C-alpha atoms as a PDB file:
ATOM      1  CA  UNK A   1       9.795 -11.487 -15.948  1.00  0.00           C
ATOM      2  CA  UNK A   2       7.582 -14.982 -14.863  1.00  0.00           C
ATOM      3  CA  UNK A   3       5.937 -15.026 -17.950  1.00  0.00           C
ATOM      4  CA  UNK A   4       8.697 -14.639 -19.948  1.00  0.00           C
ATOM      5  CA  UNK A   5      10.602 -17.671 -18.311  1.00  0.00           C
ATOM      6  CA  UNK A   6       7.230 -19.335 -18.963  1.00  0.00           C
ATOM      7  CA  UNK A   7       7.636 -18.700 -22.750  1.00  0.00           C
ATOM      8  CA  UNK A   8      11.569 -19.558 -22.583  1.00  0.00           C
ATOM      9  CA  UNK A   9      10.797 -23.003 -21.430  1.00  0.00           C
ATOM     10  CA  UNK A  10       7.596 -24.325 -23.914  1.00  0.00           C
ATOM     11  CA  UNK A  11       9.951 -22.375 -27.024  1.00  0.00           C
ATOM     12  CA  UNK A  12      12.979 -23.909 -26.299  1.00  0.00           C
ATOM     13  CA  UNK A  13      14.195 -20.464 -26.752  1.00  0.00           C
ATOM     14  CA  UNK A  14      16.777 -18.257 -24.807  1.00  0.00           C
ATOM     15  CA  UNK A  15      16.256 -14.575 -23.612  1.00  0.00           C
ATOM     16  CA  UNK A  16      18.957 -13.530 -26.280  1.00  0.00           C
ATOM     17  CA  UNK A  17      16.750 -14.579 -28.623  1.00  0.00           C
ATOM     18  CA  UNK A  18      13.291 -13.109 -27.931  1.00  0.00           C
ATOM     19  CA  UNK A  19      15.010 -10.112 -28.330  1.00  0.00           C
ATOM     20  CA  UNK A  20      15.007 -10.653 -32.323  1.00  0.00           C
ATOM     21  CA  UNK A  21      10.911 -11.313 -32.527  1.00  0.00           C
ATOM     22  CA  UNK A  22       8.381  -9.485 -34.175  1.00  0.00           C
ATOM     23  CA  UNK A  23       6.389  -6.691 -32.072  1.00  0.00           C
ATOM     24  CA  UNK A  24       3.306  -8.631 -33.165  1.00  0.00           C
ATOM     25  CA  UNK A  25       5.013 -11.780 -32.296  1.00  0.00           C
ATOM     26  CA  UNK A  26       6.024 -11.250 -28.408  1.00  0.00           C
ATOM     27  CA  UNK A  27       2.638  -9.484 -27.772  1.00  0.00           C
ATOM     28  CA  UNK A  28       0.348 -12.968 -29.157  1.00  0.00           C
ATOM     29  CA  UNK A  29       2.898 -15.372 -27.151  1.00  0.00           C
ATOM     30  CA  UNK A  30       2.707 -12.492 -23.944  1.00  0.00           C
ATOM     31  CA  UNK A  31       0.055 -11.708 -23.631  1.00  0.00           C
ATOM     32  CA  UNK A  32       0.924  -7.693 -22.734  1.00  0.00           C
ATOM     33  CA  UNK A  33      -0.824  -5.029 -22.500  1.00  0.00           C
ATOM     34  CA  UNK A  34      -0.169  -2.656 -24.965  1.00  0.00           C
ATOM     35  CA  UNK A  35       1.834  -0.492 -23.286  1.00  0.00           C
ATOM     36  CA  UNK A  36       4.284  -2.159 -22.091  1.00  0.00           C
ATOM     37  CA  UNK A  37       4.628  -3.567 -25.848  1.00  0.00           C
ATOM     38  CA  UNK A  38       5.586  -0.066 -27.280  1.00  0.00           C
ATOM     39  CA  UNK A  39       8.225   0.543 -24.211  1.00  0.00           C
ATOM     40  CA  UNK A  40       9.496  -2.303 -25.304  1.00  0.00           C
ATOM     41  CA  UNK A  41       9.616  -1.144 -28.377  1.00  0.00           C
ATOM     42  CA  UNK A  42      11.395   1.801 -27.710  1.00  0.00           C
ATOM     43  CA  UNK A  43      13.431  -0.344 -25.826  1.00  0.00           C
ATOM     44  CA  UNK A  44      14.489  -2.040 -28.693  1.00  0.00           C
ATOM     45  CA  UNK A  45      15.392   0.383 -30.881  1.00  0.00           C
ATOM     46  CA  UNK A  46      17.206   2.860 -28.024  1.00  0.00           C
ATOM     47  CA  UNK A  47      19.581   0.137 -26.922  1.00  0.00           C
ATOM     48  CA  UNK A  48      20.026  -2.087 -29.855  1.00  0.00           C
ATOM     49  CA  UNK A  49      20.950  -5.585 -31.337  1.00  0.00           C
ATOM     50  CA  UNK A  50      23.248  -6.354 -28.546  1.00  0.00           C
ATOM     51  CA  UNK A  51      21.867  -4.780 -25.090  1.00  0.00           C
ATOM     52  CA  UNK A  52      22.851  -4.957 -21.413  1.00  0.00           C
ATOM     53  CA  UNK A  53      20.103  -6.136 -19.979  1.00  0.00           C
ATOM     54  CA  UNK A  54      20.487  -5.180 -16.475  1.00  0.00           C
ATOM     55  CA  UNK A  55      17.195  -5.671 -14.419  1.00  0.00           C
ATOM     56  CA  UNK A  56      18.176  -4.861 -10.366  1.00  0.00           C
ATOM     57  CA  UNK A  57      16.465  -7.085  -7.674  1.00  0.00           C
ATOM     58  CA  UNK A  58      14.086  -4.381  -6.730  1.00  0.00           C
ATOM     59  CA  UNK A  59      12.291  -3.945 -10.276  1.00  0.00           C
ATOM     60  CA  UNK A  60       8.832  -5.589 -10.628  1.00  0.00           C
ATOM     61  CA  UNK A  61       7.921  -5.413 -14.647  1.00  0.00           C
ATOM     62  CA  UNK A  62       4.584  -5.917 -16.257  1.00  0.00           C
ATOM     63  CA  UNK A  63       3.203  -9.830 -15.728  1.00  0.00           C
ATOM     64  CA  UNK A  64       4.948 -10.522 -12.938  1.00  0.00           C
ATOM     65  CA  UNK A  65       2.540 -12.128 -10.644  1.00  0.00           C
ATOM     66  CA  UNK A  66       2.851  -9.703  -8.124  1.00  0.00           C
ATOM     67  CA  UNK A  67       2.212  -6.331 -10.959  1.00  0.00           C
ATOM     68  CA  UNK A  68      -0.583  -4.975  -9.655  1.00  0.00           C
ATOM     69  CA  UNK A  69      -2.489  -4.596 -12.854  1.00  0.00           C
ATOM     70  CA  UNK A  70      -4.739  -1.924 -11.041  1.00  0.00           C
ATOM     71  CA  UNK A  71      -2.029  -0.123 -12.990  1.00  0.00           C
ATOM     72  CA  UNK A  72      -3.055  -1.513 -15.854  1.00  0.00           C
ATOM     73  CA  UNK A  73      -6.889   0.005 -15.998  1.00  0.00           C
ATOM     74  CA  UNK A  74      -5.334   3.463 -16.555  1.00  0.00           C
ATOM     75  CA  UNK A  75      -4.535   5.471 -19.022  1.00  0.00           C
ATOM     76  CA  UNK A  76      -0.408   5.597 -19.661  1.00  0.00           C
ATOM     77  CA  UNK A  77       0.856   2.462 -16.819  1.00  0.00           C
ATOM     78  CA  UNK A  78       4.592   2.844 -15.978  1.00  0.00           C
ATOM     79  CA  UNK A  79       6.811   0.578 -16.635  1.00  0.00           C
ATOM     80  CA  UNK A  80       8.139  -0.858 -14.114  1.00  0.00           C
ATOM     81  CA  UNK A  81       8.064  -0.442  -9.951  1.00  0.00           C
ATOM     82  CA  UNK A  82      10.388  -0.307  -8.240  1.00  0.00           C
ATOM     83  CA  UNK A  83       9.928  -1.872  -4.865  1.00  0.00           C
ATOM     84  CA  UNK A  84      11.716  -2.569  -1.172  1.00  0.00           C
ATOM     85  CA  UNK A  85      10.310  -4.242   2.318  1.00  0.00           C
ATOM     86  CA  UNK A  86       7.353  -6.213   2.737  1.00  0.00           C
ATOM     87  CA  UNK A  87       5.966  -7.751  -1.537  1.00  0.00           C
ATOM     88  CA  UNK A  88       3.341  -9.146   0.454  1.00  0.00           C
ATOM     89  CA  UNK A  89       1.471  -5.999   0.523  1.00  0.00           C
ATOM     90  CA  UNK A  90       1.314  -5.288  -3.294  1.00  0.00           C
ATOM     91  CA  UNK A  91      -1.799  -7.757  -3.317  1.00  0.00           C
ATOM     92  CA  UNK A  92      -3.472  -5.051  -0.799  1.00  0.00           C
ATOM     93  CA  UNK A  93      -1.894  -2.420  -3.573  1.00  0.00           C
ATOM     94  CA  UNK A  94      -3.496  -5.004  -6.561  1.00  0.00           C
ATOM     95  CA  UNK A  95      -6.535  -4.837  -4.453  1.00  0.00           C
ATOM     96  CA  UNK A  96      -7.416  -1.531  -3.870  1.00  0.00           C
ATOM     97  CA  UNK A  97      -7.215  -2.197  -0.698  1.00  0.00           C
ATOM     98  CA  UNK A  98      -4.756   0.856   0.990  1.00  0.00           C
ATOM     99  CA  UNK A  99      -6.129   4.501   2.194  1.00  0.00           C
ATOM    100  CA  UNK A 100      -4.500   7.387   0.870  1.00  0.00           C
ATOM    101  CA  UNK A 101      -3.893  10.080   2.802  1.00  0.00           C
ATOM    102  CA  UNK A 102      -2.195  13.228   1.250  1.00  0.00           C
ATOM    103  CA  UNK A 103      -2.447  17.216   1.530  1.00  0.00           C
ATOM    104  CA  UNK A 104       0.640  19.933   2.364  1.00  0.00           C
ATOM    105  CA  UNK A 105       3.723  20.124   3.484  1.00  0.00           C
ATOM    106  CA  UNK A 106       3.684  23.344   4.931  1.00  0.00           C
ATOM    107  CA  UNK A 107       0.531  22.023   7.342  1.00  0.00           C
ATOM    108  CA  UNK A 108      -1.035  23.512  10.245  1.00  0.00           C
ATOM    109  CA  UNK A 109      -0.139  22.194  13.851  1.00  0.00           C
ATOM    110  CA  UNK A 110      -4.217  20.484  13.526  1.00  0.00           C
ATOM    111  CA  UNK A 111      -3.490  19.038  10.316  1.00  0.00           C
ATOM    112  CA  UNK A 112       0.083  17.325  11.644  1.00  0.00           C
ATOM    113  CA  UNK A 113      -2.253  15.958  14.215  1.00  0.00           C
ATOM    114  CA  UNK A 114      -4.804  15.230  12.283  1.00  0.00           C
ATOM    115  CA  UNK A 115      -3.009  13.119   9.558  1.00  0.00           C
ATOM    116  CA  UNK A 116      -1.210  10.850  12.197  1.00  0.00           C
ATOM    117  CA  UNK A 117      -4.450  10.437  14.381  1.00  0.00           C
ATOM    118  CA  UNK A 118      -5.820   9.383  10.965  1.00  0.00           C
ATOM    119  CA  UNK A 119      -2.487   6.962  10.428  1.00  0.00           C
ATOM    120  CA  UNK A 120      -3.463   5.219  13.677  1.00  0.00           C
ATOM    121  CA  UNK A 121      -6.417   4.839  13.267  1.00  0.00           C
ATOM    122  CA  UNK A 122      -6.267   3.678  10.434  1.00  0.00           C
ATOM    123  CA  UNK A 123      -3.236   0.817  11.107  1.00  0.00           C
ATOM    124  CA  UNK A 124      -5.501   0.196  14.150  1.00  0.00           C
ATOM    125  CA  UNK A 125      -8.276  -1.345  11.584  1.00  0.00           C
ATOM    126  CA  UNK A 126      -6.107  -3.300   9.446  1.00  0.00           C
ATOM    127  CA  UNK A 127      -5.609  -0.537   6.520  1.00  0.00           C
ATOM    128  CA  UNK A 128      -2.367  -0.055   5.197  1.00  0.00           C
ATOM    129  CA  UNK A 129      -1.765   3.784   4.498  1.00  0.00           C
ATOM    130  CA  UNK A 130      -0.618   5.094   1.359  1.00  0.00           C
ATOM    131  CA  UNK A 131       1.593   8.778   1.534  1.00  0.00           C
ATOM    132  CA  UNK A 132       4.292  10.272  -0.604  1.00  0.00           C
ATOM    133  CA  UNK A 133       6.260  10.297   2.051  1.00  0.00           C
ATOM    134  CA  UNK A 134       6.050  14.679   1.754  1.00  0.00           C
ATOM    135  CA  UNK A 135       7.014  16.854   4.319  1.00  0.00           C
ATOM    136  CA  UNK A 136       3.939  18.290   6.479  1.00  0.00           C
ATOM    137  CA  UNK A 137       0.444  15.694   5.930  1.00  0.00           C
ATOM    138  CA  UNK A 138       2.337  12.139   4.310  1.00  0.00           C
ATOM    139  CA  UNK A 139       5.025  12.342   6.597  1.00  0.00           C
ATOM    140  CA  UNK A 140       2.748  12.136   9.825  1.00  0.00           C
ATOM    141  CA  UNK A 141       0.088   9.670   8.501  1.00  0.00           C
ATOM    142  CA  UNK A 142       2.900   7.835   8.231  1.00  0.00           C
ATOM    143  CA  UNK A 143       4.394   8.438  11.736  1.00  0.00           C
ATOM    144  CA  UNK A 144       1.157   7.838  13.425  1.00  0.00           C
ATOM    145  CA  UNK A 145       0.943   4.680  10.684  1.00  0.00           C
ATOM    146  CA  UNK A 146       4.160   3.024  12.127  1.00  0.00           C
ATOM    147  CA  UNK A 147       3.720   3.883  15.808  1.00  0.00           C
ATOM    148  CA  UNK A 148       0.892   1.407  15.729  1.00  0.00           C
ATOM    149  CA  UNK A 149       3.128  -1.424  14.519  1.00  0.00           C
ATOM    150  CA  UNK A 150       0.905  -0.699  10.859  1.00  0.00           C
ATOM    151  CA  UNK A 151       1.606  -0.928   7.960  1.00  0.00           C
ATOM    152  CA  UNK A 152       2.808   2.209   5.364  1.00  0.00           C
ATOM    153  CA  UNK A 153       3.016   1.744   1.714  1.00  0.00           C
ATOM    154  CA  UNK A 154       4.920   5.257   0.642  1.00  0.00           C
ATOM    155  CA  UNK A 155       4.669   5.884  -3.755  1.00  0.00           C
ATOM    156  CA  UNK A 156       8.137   7.802  -3.169  1.00  0.00           C
ATOM    157  CA  UNK A 157       8.515  10.777  -6.344  1.00  0.00           C
ATOM    158  CA  UNK A 158      11.822  10.043  -6.309  1.00  0.00           C
ATOM    159  CA  UNK A 159      14.250   6.384  -6.697  1.00  0.00           C
ATOM    160  CA  UNK A 160      14.326   3.961  -3.820  1.00  0.00           C
ATOM    161  CA  UNK A 161      18.027   5.509  -2.780  1.00  0.00           C
ATOM    162  CA  UNK A 162      16.994   8.846  -3.060  1.00  0.00           C
ATOM    163  CA  UNK A 163      15.579  10.674  -0.090  1.00  0.00           C
ATOM    164  CA  UNK A 164      13.324  13.872  -0.342  1.00  0.00           C
ATOM    165  CA  UNK A 165      13.383  15.994   1.324  1.00  0.00           C
ATOM    166  CA  UNK A 166      16.690  14.611   3.478  1.00  0.00           C
ATOM    167  CA  UNK A 167      16.013  15.029   6.628  1.00  0.00           C
ATOM    168  CA  UNK A 168      13.520  12.283   5.857  1.00  0.00           C
ATOM    169  CA  UNK A 169      15.849   9.368   5.494  1.00  0.00           C
ATOM    170  CA  UNK A 170      15.074   7.510   8.590  1.00  0.00           C
ATOM    171  CA  UNK A 171      11.505   8.095   8.585  1.00  0.00           C
ATOM    172  CA  UNK A 172      11.749   6.656   4.578  1.00  0.00           C
ATOM    173  CA  UNK A 173      14.362   3.701   6.119  1.00  0.00           C
ATOM    174  CA  UNK A 174      11.692   3.331   8.827  1.00  0.00           C
ATOM    175  CA  UNK A 175       8.598   2.900   6.550  1.00  0.00           C
ATOM    176  CA  UNK A 176      10.706   0.291   4.008  1.00  0.00           C
ATOM    177  CA  UNK A 177      10.892  -1.979   7.108  1.00  0.00           C
ATOM    178  CA  UNK A 178       7.790  -2.199   7.888  1.00  0.00           C
ATOM    179  CA  UNK A 179       6.012  -1.531   5.093  1.00  0.00           C
ATOM    180  CA  UNK A 180       6.405  -0.896   1.622  1.00  0.00           C
ATOM    181  CA  UNK A 181       8.581   2.037  -0.695  1.00  0.00           C
ATOM    182  CA  UNK A 182       7.245   1.615  -3.761  1.00  0.00           C
ATOM    183  CA  UNK A 183       8.631   4.461  -6.916  1.00  0.00           C
ATOM    184  CA  UNK A 184       8.505   4.539 -10.766  1.00  0.00           C
ATOM    185  CA  UNK A 185      11.744   5.449 -11.466  1.00  0.00           C
ATOM    186  CA  UNK A 186      15.042   3.448 -11.752  1.00  0.00           C
ATOM    187  CA  UNK A 187      17.693   4.116  -9.255  1.00  0.00           C
ATOM    188  CA  UNK A 188      20.838   6.744 -10.610  1.00  0.00           C
ATOM    189  CA  UNK A 189      17.659   8.908 -12.662  1.00  0.00           C
ATOM    190  CA  UNK A 190      17.793  12.522 -12.507  1.00  0.00           C
ATOM    191  CA  UNK A 191      14.511  13.814 -10.998  1.00  0.00           C
ATOM    192  CA  UNK A 192      12.216  15.826 -12.463  1.00  0.00           C
ATOM    193  CA  UNK A 193       8.955  17.511 -10.982  1.00  0.00           C
ATOM    194  CA  UNK A 194       6.835  15.237 -13.194  1.00  0.00           C
ATOM    195  CA  UNK A 195       8.090  11.843 -11.419  1.00  0.00           C
ATOM    196  CA  UNK A 196       6.382  13.880  -8.053  1.00  0.00           C
ATOM    197  CA  UNK A 197       2.865  14.292 -10.063  1.00  0.00           C
ATOM    198  CA  UNK A 198       2.850  11.005 -11.659  1.00  0.00           C
ATOM    199  CA  UNK A 199       3.634   9.965  -8.199  1.00  0.00           C
ATOM    200  CA  UNK A 200       0.054  11.455  -7.177  1.00  0.00           C
ATOM    201  CA  UNK A 201      -1.946   8.987 -10.176  1.00  0.00           C
ATOM    202  CA  UNK A 202      -0.411   5.963  -8.877  1.00  0.00           C
ATOM    203  CA  UNK A 203      -1.347   6.895  -4.599  1.00  0.00           C
ATOM    204  CA  UNK A 204      -5.497   6.843  -6.491  1.00  0.00           C
ATOM    205  CA  UNK A 205      -4.177   3.670  -8.575  1.00  0.00           C
ATOM    206  CA  UNK A 206      -3.772   1.582  -5.260  1.00  0.00           C
ATOM    207  CA  UNK A 207      -6.169   3.457  -3.556  1.00  0.00           C
ATOM    208  CA  UNK A 208     -10.033   2.305  -2.250  1.00  0.00           C
ATOM    209  CA  UNK A 209     -10.447   6.450  -0.615  1.00  0.00           C
ATOM    210  CA  UNK A 210      -9.024   9.487  -0.778  1.00  0.00           C
ATOM    211  CA  UNK A 211      -8.275  11.010   1.941  1.00  0.00           C
ATOM    212  CA  UNK A 212      -7.196  15.730   2.212  1.00  0.00           C
ATOM    213  CA  UNK A 213      -6.100  16.387   5.077  1.00  0.00           C
ATOM    214  CA  UNK A 214      -5.404  19.988   4.386  1.00  0.00           C
ATOM    215  CA  UNK A 215      -3.994  22.141   0.910  1.00  0.00           C
ATOM    216  CA  UNK A 216      -4.045  25.493  -1.043  1.00  0.00           C
ATOM    217  CA  UNK A 217      -5.332  26.281  -3.537  1.00  0.00           C
ATOM    218  CA  UNK A 218      -2.439  25.108  -5.613  1.00  0.00           C
ATOM    219  CA  UNK A 219      -1.437  21.044  -4.328  1.00  0.00           C
ATOM    220  CA  UNK A 220      -0.230  17.994  -5.289  1.00  0.00           C
ATOM    221  CA  UNK A 221      -3.353  16.773  -2.875  1.00  0.00           C
ATOM    222  CA  UNK A 222      -5.738  19.186  -4.972  1.00  0.00           C
ATOM    223  CA  UNK A 223      -4.485  16.866  -7.900  1.00  0.00           C
ATOM    224  CA  UNK A 224      -4.602  13.408  -6.651  1.00  0.00           C
ATOM    225  CA  UNK A 225      -7.909  14.861  -6.121  1.00  0.00           C
ATOM    226  CA  UNK A 226      -8.360  14.955  -9.361  1.00  0.00           C
ATOM    227  CA  UNK A 227      -7.814  11.828 -10.187  1.00  0.00           C
ATOM    228  CA  UNK A 228      -9.874  10.004  -7.753  1.00  0.00           C
ATOM    229  CA  UNK A 229     -12.603  12.034  -9.367  1.00  0.00           C
ATOM    230  CA  UNK A 230     -12.058  10.633 -12.768  1.00  0.00           C
ATOM    231  CA  UNK A 231     -11.026   6.967 -10.971  1.00  0.00           C
ATOM    232  CA  UNK A 232     -14.821   7.127  -9.099  1.00  0.00           C
ATOM    233  CA  UNK A 233     -12.322   6.648  -5.962  1.00  0.00           C
ATOM    234  CA  UNK A 234     -14.278   8.149  -2.634  1.00  0.00           C
ATOM    235  CA  UNK A 235     -12.861  11.360  -1.436  1.00  0.00           C
ATOM    236  CA  UNK A 236     -12.769  13.039   1.976  1.00  0.00           C
ATOM    237  CA  UNK A 237     -12.021  16.201   3.034  1.00  0.00           C
ATOM    238  CA  UNK A 238     -11.159  16.710   6.668  1.00  0.00           C
ATOM    239  CA  UNK A 239     -12.762  20.787   7.133  1.00  0.00           C
ATOM    240  CA  UNK A 240      -9.975  23.268   8.717  1.00  0.00           C
ATOM    241  CA  UNK A 241     -10.144  27.859   9.027  1.00  0.00           C
ATOM    242  CA  UNK A 242     -11.513  29.084   6.150  1.00  0.00           C
ATOM    243  CA  UNK A 243      -9.725  32.031   7.010  1.00  0.00           C
ATOM    244  CA  UNK A 244      -5.854  29.767   6.485  1.00  0.00           C
ATOM    245  CA  UNK A 245      -4.430  29.812   3.079  1.00  0.00           C
ATOM    246  CA  UNK A 246      -3.122  25.822   3.312  1.00  0.00           C
ATOM    247  CA  UNK A 247      -6.949  25.325   3.784  1.00  0.00           C
ATOM    248  CA  UNK A 248      -8.101  26.454   0.593  1.00  0.00           C
ATOM    249  CA  UNK A 249      -7.779  24.228  -1.829  1.00  0.00           C
ATOM    250  CA  UNK A 250      -9.228  21.354   0.092  1.00  0.00           C
ATOM    251  CA  UNK A 251     -11.892  22.835   2.108  1.00  0.00           C
ATOM    252  CA  UNK A 252     -12.771  24.244  -1.715  1.00  0.00           C
ATOM    253  CA  UNK A 253     -13.414  20.425  -2.246  1.00  0.00           C
ATOM    254  CA  UNK A 254     -15.971  20.449  -0.013  1.00  0.00           C
ATOM    255  CA  UNK A 255     -18.285  22.334  -2.246  1.00  0.00           C
ATOM    256  CA  UNK A 256     -17.767  20.004  -4.711  1.00  0.00           C
ATOM    257  CA  UNK A 257     -19.033  16.857  -3.583  1.00  0.00           C
ATOM    258  CA  UNK A 258     -16.398  15.401  -1.539  1.00  0.00           C
ATOM    259  CA  UNK A 259     -17.176  14.099   1.918  1.00  0.00           C
ATOM    260  CA  UNK A 260     -16.432  15.896   5.410  1.00  0.00           C
ATOM    261  CA  UNK A 261     -13.921  14.118   8.065  1.00  0.00           C
ATOM    262  CA  UNK A 262     -14.656  15.080  11.169  1.00  0.00           C
ATOM    263  CA  UNK A 263     -13.105  12.227  13.405  1.00  0.00           C
ATOM    264  CA  UNK A 264     -11.220   9.246  11.686  1.00  0.00           C
ATOM    265  CA  UNK A 265     -14.368   7.099  12.906  1.00  0.00           C
ATOM    266  CA  UNK A 266     -16.516   8.747  10.058  1.00  0.00           C
ATOM    267  CA  UNK A 267     -14.638   7.123   7.571  1.00  0.00           C
ATOM    268  CA  UNK A 268     -14.126   3.915   9.089  1.00  0.00           C
ATOM    269  CA  UNK A 269     -17.684   3.133   9.827  1.00  0.00           C
ATOM    270  CA  UNK A 270     -17.715   3.667   6.553  1.00  0.00           C
ATOM    271  CA  UNK A 271     -14.328   1.062   5.710  1.00  0.00           C
ATOM    272  CA  UNK A 272     -15.171  -1.579   8.202  1.00  0.00           C
ATOM    273  CA  UNK A 273     -12.257  -3.469   8.992  1.00  0.00           C
ATOM    274  CA  UNK A 274      -9.490  -3.252   6.784  1.00  0.00           C
ATOM    275  CA  UNK A 275      -7.540  -7.093   5.051  1.00  0.00           C
ATOM    276  CA  UNK A 276      -4.235  -6.412   7.612  1.00  0.00           C
ATOM    277  CA  UNK A 277      -7.531  -7.008  10.204  1.00  0.00           C
ATOM    278  CA  UNK A 278      -8.722 -10.368   9.363  1.00  0.00           C
ATOM    279  CA  UNK A 279      -5.135 -11.843   8.614  1.00  0.00           C
ATOM    280  CA  UNK A 280      -4.226 -11.024  12.573  1.00  0.00           C
ATOM    281  CA  UNK A 281      -7.024 -12.270  13.069  1.00  0.00           C
ATOM    282  CA  UNK A 282      -6.112 -15.769  10.991  1.00  0.00           C
ATOM    283  CA  UNK A 283      -2.573 -15.366  12.364  1.00  0.00           C
ATOM    284  CA  UNK A 284      -3.990 -15.233  16.799  1.00  0.00           C
ATOM    285  CA  UNK A 285      -6.637 -18.114  15.774  1.00  0.00           C
ATOM    286  CA  UNK A 286      -3.476 -20.346  14.063  1.00  0.00           C
ATOM    287  CA  UNK A 287      -1.115 -19.413  17.348  1.00  0.00           C
ATOM    288  CA  UNK A 288      -3.920 -20.074  19.377  1.00  0.00           C
ATOM    289  CA  UNK A 289      -4.745 -23.353  18.893  1.00  0.00           C
ATOM    290  CA  UNK A 290      -1.060 -24.040  17.808  1.00  0.00           C
ATOM    291  CA  UNK A 291      -0.281 -23.564  21.781  1.00  0.00           C
ATOM    292  CA  UNK A 292      -3.174 -25.082  23.433  1.00  0.00           C
ATOM    293  CA  UNK A 293      -1.992 -28.586  21.646  1.00  0.00           C
ATOM    294  CA  UNK A 294      -3.887 -31.516  23.063  1.00  0.00           C
ATOM    295  CA  UNK A 295      -5.258 -29.141  25.757  1.00  0.00           C
ATOM    296  CA  UNK A 296      -3.835 -26.774  27.794  1.00  0.00           C
ATOM    297  CA  UNK A 297      -4.731 -24.820  31.037  1.00  0.00           C
ATOM    298  CA  UNK A 298      -5.528 -20.706  31.207  1.00  0.00           C
ATOM    299  CA  UNK A 299      -2.488 -20.280  32.882  1.00  0.00           C
ATOM    300  CA  UNK A 300      -0.525 -22.565  30.126  1.00  0.00           C
ATOM    301  CA  UNK A 301      -1.807 -20.161  27.664  1.00  0.00           C
ATOM    302  CA  UNK A 302      -0.785 -16.874  29.401  1.00  0.00           C
ATOM    303  CA  UNK A 303       2.873 -18.422  29.817  1.00  0.00           C
ATOM    304  CA  UNK A 304       2.786 -19.849  25.918  1.00  0.00           C
ATOM    305  CA  UNK A 305       1.451 -17.360  24.741  1.00  0.00           C
ATOM    306  CA  UNK A 306       3.323 -13.952  26.359  1.00  0.00           C
ATOM    307  CA  UNK A 307       0.045 -11.721  26.880  1.00  0.00           C
ATOM    308  CA  UNK A 308      -2.401 -10.748  28.638  1.00  0.00           C
ATOM    309  CA  UNK A 309      -5.801 -12.387  30.469  1.00  0.00           C
ATOM    310  CA  UNK A 310      -7.684  -8.803  29.081  1.00  0.00           C
ATOM    311  CA  UNK A 311      -6.325 -10.606  25.606  1.00  0.00           C
ATOM    312  CA  UNK A 312      -6.785 -13.992  25.935  1.00  0.00           C
ATOM    313  CA  UNK A 313     -10.156 -14.486  27.655  1.00  0.00           C
ATOM    314  CA  UNK A 314     -12.408 -13.106  24.733  1.00  0.00           C
ATOM    315  CA  UNK A 315     -10.697 -15.120  22.342  1.00  0.00           C
ATOM    316  CA  UNK A 316     -11.370 -18.484  24.472  1.00  0.00           C
ATOM    317  CA  UNK A 317     -14.665 -17.569  24.612  1.00  0.00           C
ATOM    318  CA  UNK A 318     -15.551 -16.774  20.982  1.00  0.00           C
ATOM    319  CA  UNK A 319     -14.339 -20.150  19.758  1.00  0.00           C
ATOM    320  CA  UNK A 320     -16.156 -22.049  22.539  1.00  0.00           C
ATOM    321  CA  UNK A 321     -19.474 -19.960  20.806  1.00  0.00           C
ATOM    322  CA  UNK A 322     -18.232 -21.016  17.077  1.00  0.00           C
ATOM    323  CA  UNK A 323     -17.605 -24.754  18.338  1.00  0.00           C
ATOM    324  CA  UNK A 324     -14.214 -25.542  17.582  1.00  0.00           C
ATOM    325  CA  UNK A 325     -12.981 -25.314  21.547  1.00  0.00           C
ATOM    326  CA  UNK A 326     -14.620 -26.645  24.995  1.00  0.00           C
ATOM    327  CA  UNK A 327     -14.004 -25.212  27.910  1.00  0.00           C
ATOM    328  CA  UNK A 328     -13.136 -28.320  31.234  1.00  0.00           C
ATOM    329  CA  UNK A 329     -13.052 -28.550  35.044  1.00  0.00           C
ATOM    330  CA  UNK A 330     -10.390 -25.773  36.350  1.00  0.00           C
ATOM    331  CA  UNK A 331      -9.911 -23.594  33.434  1.00  0.00           C
ATOM    332  CA  UNK A 332      -9.286 -26.960  30.796  1.00  0.00           C
ATOM    333  CA  UNK A 333      -9.358 -25.935  27.215  1.00  0.00           C
ATOM    334  CA  UNK A 334      -8.626 -28.477  24.638  1.00  0.00           C
ATOM    335  CA  UNK A 335      -9.916 -28.701  20.596  1.00  0.00           C
ATOM    336  CA  UNK A 336     -13.500 -29.895  19.314  1.00  0.00           C
ATOM    337  CA  UNK A 337     -13.229 -33.340  18.260  1.00  0.00           C
ATOM    338  CA  UNK A 338     -15.150 -33.344  14.786  1.00  0.00           C
END
């Protein structure tokens, strides 16, 4: 949309005039990828010369500054995204800086506990947690992420105005309020099984790593793992009970050189801190320096920041070691002059 507005301004034309431009001229002027131009051409043929161009506020189109460019690097990317929630998280999807956690809807107690533990651990380490908001493993991972005030991102197989399964209405609302909901299907459209299969693909396109917690031999999680192998996205698998049917697919991935995940710490040692950890550190630094102002005592800082001594003391010590703060008599802190 930003490209279109800039083009209208630079060429002194109205948006409805662009509708009649030849496709080659549009492509040269906008620089859009060929799949977007094909979608435009198909839409123009369907709508005729006087279309109703109703673009909902939740829509995100190729060319928009917030559009995740990583989607343009895969075959047949979506022609639009529909998003609800914290749009700042789109930058982490674009950078493939989120961790996807997937698995069966009919999960064992062990798998549900593991998925929730993963969601908690990833949130604490500053990683957005991607999943499909399906029953079982997906929902458990997002609940764990929500419990630690993390950033859950749900890639839906339905439009934003549909909830599947229906009893996830509250969970979907929480994810939309604390994190981000993403769909490639416009509200009001019919839902097809193919939408859920495509959802698995976009999950992987956004992910830095894929964790398969538990899945049987026929599962959408296995589709995600196949996409991950094609996109060179690392696959981690939680080993399961060899006698349980719902573990046969995920255990088979271990034979295909996926990495075994015994505990969330295994994954975090490999990943390090996530992008939200650095953002949170920056925010805390700004809040602390603002609270110090021209100088403040330890007790004054506790009141201003509403934190505990155990939280505040290490931050002050670190900034003193970095040469940003000076500690004077009476535990009075001030900024070091340049």
